[in-house]
């Protein structure tokens, strides 16, 4: 499973890819495993993005990644586990919502 994450201040974020081996999504469809580092530097690629390809993280497909989910109203939740092919975690002020949530 590939997890794309826009919460760049999280310690598990490696160039928009989640490096955890397991995640937990709460009942409101937010990632509970974020670990915010206030002083984490995030590379600004916007100045050079049209001149050369930015350094992107490799595809982290992991068949053993476990995503537990308490959001019982999501179509990908089956018995407390996420069965999506991959998820996209967004970024809000203090939270990281699961943007792959689809209401049943």
N, C-alpha and C. Protein backbone atom coordinates (compact mmCIF):
# COMPACT_ATOMS: atom_id res chain seq x y z
N UNK A 1 0.85 -1.17 0.00
CA UNK A 1 0.00 0.00 0.00
C UNK A 1 0.90 1.23 0.00
N UNK A 2 0.53 2.19 -0.78
CA UNK A 2 1.28 3.44 -0.85
C UNK A 2 0.51 4.52 -0.11
N UNK A 3 1.18 5.25 0.76
CA UNK A 3 0.54 6.31 1.52
C UNK A 3 1.22 7.64 1.15
N UNK A 4 0.46 8.48 0.48
CA UNK A 4 0.94 9.82 0.12
C UNK A 4 0.49 10.75 1.24
N UNK A 5 1.41 11.57 1.73
CA UNK A 5 1.11 12.43 2.87
C UNK A 5 1.54 13.86 2.62
N UNK A 6 0.62 14.79 2.86
CA UNK A 6 0.92 16.22 2.69
C UNK A 6 1.26 16.89 4.01
N UNK A 7 1.36 16.13 5.09
CA UNK A 7 1.72 16.70 6.40
C UNK A 7 3.24 16.69 6.49
N UNK A 8 3.87 17.67 5.85
CA UNK A 8 5.32 17.70 5.72
C UNK A 8 6.05 17.89 7.04
N UNK A 9 5.38 18.43 8.04
CA UNK A 9 6.02 18.63 9.34
C UNK A 9 6.04 17.37 10.20
N UNK A 10 5.48 16.28 9.70
CA UNK A 10 5.48 15.01 10.42
C UNK A 10 6.84 14.34 10.28
N UNK A 11 7.32 13.75 11.36
CA UNK A 11 8.64 13.11 11.33
C UNK A 11 8.67 11.88 10.42
N UNK A 12 7.53 11.29 10.13
CA UNK A 12 7.47 10.10 9.28
C UNK A 12 7.35 10.44 7.80
N UNK A 13 7.23 11.72 7.46
CA UNK A 13 7.06 12.15 6.09
C UNK A 13 8.42 12.26 5.40
N UNK A 14 8.58 11.51 4.30
CA UNK A 14 9.79 11.58 3.49
C UNK A 14 9.40 12.00 2.09
N UNK A 15 9.45 13.30 1.83
CA UNK A 15 9.12 13.86 0.53
C UNK A 15 7.75 13.39 0.04
N UNK A 16 6.75 13.59 0.89
CA UNK A 16 5.34 13.29 0.63
C UNK A 16 5.00 11.80 0.70
N UNK A 17 5.88 10.98 1.21
CA UNK A 17 5.59 9.56 1.40
C UNK A 17 5.71 9.22 2.87
N UNK A 18 4.77 8.42 3.37
CA UNK A 18 4.79 8.01 4.77
C UNK A 18 5.74 6.83 4.94
N UNK A 19 6.61 6.91 5.94
CA UNK A 19 7.60 5.86 6.17
C UNK A 19 7.24 4.94 7.33
N UNK A 20 6.06 5.09 7.89
CA UNK A 20 5.65 4.19 8.99
C UNK A 20 5.32 2.81 8.43
N UNK A 21 5.35 1.83 9.29
CA UNK A 21 4.97 0.46 8.91
C UNK A 21 3.49 0.21 9.16
N UNK A 22 2.89 1.03 10.02
CA UNK A 22 1.46 0.90 10.28
C UNK A 22 0.89 2.27 10.62
N UNK A 23 -0.37 2.45 10.36
CA UNK A 23 -1.07 3.71 10.64
C UNK A 23 -2.39 3.41 11.30
N UNK A 24 -2.90 4.40 12.02
CA UNK A 24 -4.23 4.28 12.60
C UNK A 24 -5.05 5.51 12.23
N UNK A 25 -6.20 5.27 11.64
CA UNK A 25 -7.13 6.34 11.28
C UNK A 25 -8.28 6.30 12.28
N UNK A 26 -8.56 7.47 12.89
CA UNK A 26 -9.59 7.50 13.93
C UNK A 26 -11.01 7.55 13.35
N UNK A 27 -11.98 7.59 14.21
CA UNK A 27 -13.39 7.54 13.81
C UNK A 27 -13.79 8.73 12.93
N UNK A 28 -13.09 9.85 13.06
CA UNK A 28 -13.37 11.04 12.25
C UNK A 28 -12.52 11.10 10.99
N UNK A 29 -11.84 10.02 10.65
CA UNK A 29 -11.01 9.88 9.45
C UNK A 29 -9.77 10.79 9.48
N UNK A 30 -9.09 10.83 10.62
CA UNK A 30 -7.83 11.56 10.76
C UNK A 30 -6.72 10.58 11.15
N UNK A 31 -5.54 10.79 10.62
CA UNK A 31 -4.38 9.98 10.99
C UNK A 31 -4.01 10.30 12.43
N UNK A 32 -3.93 9.27 13.27
CA UNK A 32 -3.58 9.47 14.68
C UNK A 32 -2.09 9.36 14.95
N UNK A 33 -1.32 8.95 13.95
CA UNK A 33 0.09 8.67 14.17
C UNK A 33 1.03 9.79 13.76
N UNK A 34 0.51 10.99 13.54
CA UNK A 34 1.40 12.08 13.15
C UNK A 34 2.28 12.47 14.33
N UNK A 35 3.50 12.82 14.00
CA UNK A 35 4.47 13.26 14.99
C UNK A 35 5.06 14.57 14.47
N UNK A 36 4.48 15.69 14.88
CA UNK A 36 4.84 17.00 14.35
C UNK A 36 6.19 17.46 14.91
N UNK A 37 7.04 17.91 14.01
CA UNK A 37 8.32 18.51 14.38
C UNK A 37 8.26 19.94 13.87
N UNK A 38 8.15 20.88 14.79
CA UNK A 38 7.95 22.29 14.42
C UNK A 38 9.11 22.84 13.60
N UNK A 39 10.33 22.41 13.90
CA UNK A 39 11.48 22.97 13.21
C UNK A 39 11.96 22.14 12.02
N UNK A 40 11.16 21.16 11.58
CA UNK A 40 11.54 20.34 10.44
C UNK A 40 11.60 21.19 9.18
N UNK A 41 12.74 21.14 8.50
CA UNK A 41 12.88 21.91 7.27
C UNK A 41 12.25 21.16 6.11
N UNK A 42 11.50 21.89 5.32
CA UNK A 42 10.86 21.34 4.14
C UNK A 42 11.42 22.07 2.94
N UNK A 43 11.94 21.32 1.99
CA UNK A 43 12.53 21.92 0.81
C UNK A 43 11.48 22.64 -0.04
N UNK A 44 11.79 23.86 -0.45
CA UNK A 44 10.91 24.62 -1.33
C UNK A 44 11.36 24.37 -2.77
N UNK A 45 10.58 23.58 -3.51
CA UNK A 45 10.94 23.25 -4.89
C UNK A 45 10.26 24.17 -5.89
N UNK A 46 9.46 25.11 -5.42
CA UNK A 46 8.68 25.94 -6.32
C UNK A 46 9.53 26.86 -7.20
N UNK A 47 10.70 27.29 -6.73
CA UNK A 47 11.54 28.20 -7.53
C UNK A 47 12.14 27.52 -8.75
N UNK A 48 12.49 26.24 -8.62
CA UNK A 48 13.19 25.54 -9.69
C UNK A 48 12.36 24.46 -10.37
N UNK A 49 11.10 24.36 -10.03
CA UNK A 49 10.31 23.21 -10.50
C UNK A 49 10.15 23.14 -12.01
N UNK A 50 10.31 24.24 -12.72
CA UNK A 50 10.16 24.20 -14.17
C UNK A 50 11.49 24.05 -14.88
N UNK A 51 12.59 24.05 -14.14
CA UNK A 51 13.92 23.95 -14.73
C UNK A 51 14.53 22.57 -14.59
N UNK A 52 14.18 21.88 -13.53
CA UNK A 52 14.66 20.50 -13.36
C UNK A 52 13.65 19.74 -12.50
N UNK A 53 13.71 18.44 -12.62
CA UNK A 53 12.78 17.59 -11.88
C UNK A 53 13.13 17.60 -10.40
N UNK A 54 12.14 17.86 -9.53
CA UNK A 54 12.43 17.86 -8.09
C UNK A 54 12.76 16.46 -7.59
N UNK A 55 13.51 16.41 -6.53
CA UNK A 55 13.88 15.15 -5.91
C UNK A 55 12.66 14.58 -5.21
N UNK A 56 12.11 13.52 -5.75
CA UNK A 56 10.90 12.92 -5.19
C UNK A 56 11.26 11.64 -4.45
N UNK A 57 10.46 11.32 -3.48
CA UNK A 57 10.67 10.09 -2.73
C UNK A 57 10.33 8.89 -3.60
N UNK A 58 11.00 7.79 -3.39
CA UNK A 58 10.68 6.59 -4.15
C UNK A 58 9.30 6.06 -3.77
N UNK A 59 8.74 5.28 -4.67
CA UNK A 59 7.44 4.66 -4.41
C UNK A 59 7.61 3.67 -3.27
N UNK A 60 6.86 3.84 -2.19
CA UNK A 60 6.99 3.00 -1.00
C UNK A 60 5.86 1.97 -0.93
N UNK A 61 5.70 1.17 -1.96
CA UNK A 61 4.65 0.16 -1.90
C UNK A 61 5.06 -0.89 -0.88
N UNK A 62 4.18 -1.13 0.07
CA UNK A 62 4.50 -2.07 1.14
C UNK A 62 3.30 -2.98 1.36
N UNK A 63 3.43 -4.22 0.96
CA UNK A 63 2.32 -5.16 1.11
C UNK A 63 2.05 -5.50 2.56
N UNK A 64 3.00 -5.23 3.44
CA UNK A 64 2.81 -5.56 4.84
C UNK A 64 2.34 -4.37 5.67
N UNK A 65 2.17 -3.20 5.07
CA UNK A 65 1.72 -2.03 5.83
C UNK A 65 0.29 -2.26 6.31
N UNK A 66 0.10 -2.06 7.58
CA UNK A 66 -1.22 -2.23 8.18
C UNK A 66 -1.81 -0.86 8.48
N UNK A 67 -3.03 -0.63 8.00
CA UNK A 67 -3.73 0.61 8.32
C UNK A 67 -5.01 0.22 9.03
N UNK A 68 -5.03 0.48 10.33
CA UNK A 68 -6.24 0.22 11.09
C UNK A 68 -7.12 1.46 11.00
N UNK A 69 -8.45 1.23 10.98
CA UNK A 69 -9.37 2.34 10.76
C UNK A 69 -10.59 2.19 11.66
N UNK A 70 -10.89 3.25 12.41
CA UNK A 70 -12.07 3.27 13.26
C UNK A 70 -13.25 3.98 12.59
N UNK A 71 -13.05 4.49 11.38
CA UNK A 71 -14.10 5.22 10.68
C UNK A 71 -15.05 4.22 10.01
N UNK A 72 -16.06 3.80 10.73
CA UNK A 72 -16.94 2.72 10.27
C UNK A 72 -17.80 3.12 9.08
N UNK A 73 -17.86 4.40 8.75
CA UNK A 73 -18.68 4.85 7.62
C UNK A 73 -17.90 4.92 6.31
N UNK A 74 -16.65 4.50 6.29
CA UNK A 74 -15.84 4.52 5.08
C UNK A 74 -16.01 3.21 4.31
N UNK A 75 -16.13 3.29 2.99
CA UNK A 75 -16.32 2.07 2.19
C UNK A 75 -15.08 1.17 2.18
N UNK A 76 -13.92 1.71 2.48
CA UNK A 76 -12.69 0.92 2.49
C UNK A 76 -12.43 0.22 3.82
N UNK A 77 -13.24 0.52 4.85
CA UNK A 77 -13.08 -0.08 6.17
C UNK A 77 -13.81 -1.42 6.20
N UNK A 78 -13.04 -2.48 6.43
CA UNK A 78 -13.62 -3.82 6.57
C UNK A 78 -13.05 -4.44 7.82
N UNK A 79 -13.86 -4.50 8.85
CA UNK A 79 -13.43 -5.09 10.11
C UNK A 79 -12.34 -4.32 10.82
N UNK A 80 -12.32 -3.01 10.66
CA UNK A 80 -11.32 -2.20 11.34
C UNK A 80 -10.01 -2.03 10.59
N UNK A 81 -9.93 -2.55 9.35
CA UNK A 81 -8.74 -2.39 8.53
C UNK A 81 -9.10 -1.68 7.23
N UNK A 82 -8.14 -0.90 6.71
CA UNK A 82 -8.34 -0.20 5.44
C UNK A 82 -7.94 -1.12 4.30
N UNK A 83 -8.84 -1.27 3.33
CA UNK A 83 -8.57 -2.12 2.18
C UNK A 83 -8.47 -1.33 0.88
N UNK A 84 -8.13 -0.06 1.00
CA UNK A 84 -7.89 0.77 -0.18
C UNK A 84 -6.55 0.39 -0.79
N UNK A 85 -6.36 0.64 -2.08
CA UNK A 85 -5.07 0.36 -2.73
C UNK A 85 -3.98 1.30 -2.24
N UNK A 86 -4.36 2.44 -1.74
CA UNK A 86 -3.44 3.44 -1.22
C UNK A 86 -4.26 4.57 -0.64
N UNK A 87 -3.67 5.35 0.24
CA UNK A 87 -4.43 6.45 0.80
C UNK A 87 -3.65 7.75 0.65
N UNK A 88 -4.40 8.84 0.69
CA UNK A 88 -3.84 10.18 0.60
C UNK A 88 -4.16 10.89 1.90
N UNK A 89 -3.13 11.28 2.63
CA UNK A 89 -3.32 11.98 3.90
C UNK A 89 -3.06 13.46 3.66
N UNK A 90 -4.03 14.28 4.01
CA UNK A 90 -3.94 15.71 3.78
C UNK A 90 -3.28 16.44 4.94
N UNK A 91 -3.40 17.75 4.91
CA UNK A 91 -2.79 18.56 5.96
C UNK A 91 -3.72 19.69 6.37
N UNK A 92 -4.09 19.67 7.63
CA UNK A 92 -4.81 20.77 8.24
C UNK A 92 -3.92 21.33 9.33
N UNK A 93 -4.35 22.34 10.02
CA UNK A 93 -3.49 23.02 11.00
C UNK A 93 -2.82 22.05 11.97
N UNK A 94 -3.59 21.33 12.76
CA UNK A 94 -3.03 20.40 13.75
C UNK A 94 -3.38 18.96 13.46
N UNK A 95 -3.97 18.68 12.31
CA UNK A 95 -4.45 17.34 12.02
C UNK A 95 -4.00 16.89 10.63
N UNK A 96 -4.18 15.62 10.38
CA UNK A 96 -3.87 15.04 9.08
C UNK A 96 -5.05 14.17 8.65
N UNK A 97 -5.99 14.73 7.87
CA UNK A 97 -7.17 13.97 7.48
C UNK A 97 -6.88 12.91 6.42
N UNK A 98 -7.58 11.81 6.51
CA UNK A 98 -7.52 10.79 5.47
C UNK A 98 -8.42 11.26 4.32
N UNK A 99 -7.80 11.76 3.26
CA UNK A 99 -8.57 12.28 2.13
C UNK A 99 -9.07 11.18 1.21
N UNK A 100 -8.75 9.94 1.51
CA UNK A 100 -9.27 8.82 0.75
C UNK A 100 -10.59 8.30 1.32
N UNK A 101 -11.04 8.92 2.40
CA UNK A 101 -12.31 8.54 3.04
C UNK A 101 -13.46 8.74 2.06
N UNK A 102 -14.27 7.68 1.87
CA UNK A 102 -15.47 7.75 1.03
C UNK A 102 -16.61 7.18 1.88
N UNK A 103 -17.61 8.02 2.13
CA UNK A 103 -18.74 7.60 2.95
C UNK A 103 -19.54 6.50 2.27
N UNK A 104 -19.92 5.49 3.06
CA UNK A 104 -20.76 4.38 2.55
C UNK A 104 -22.11 4.90 2.15
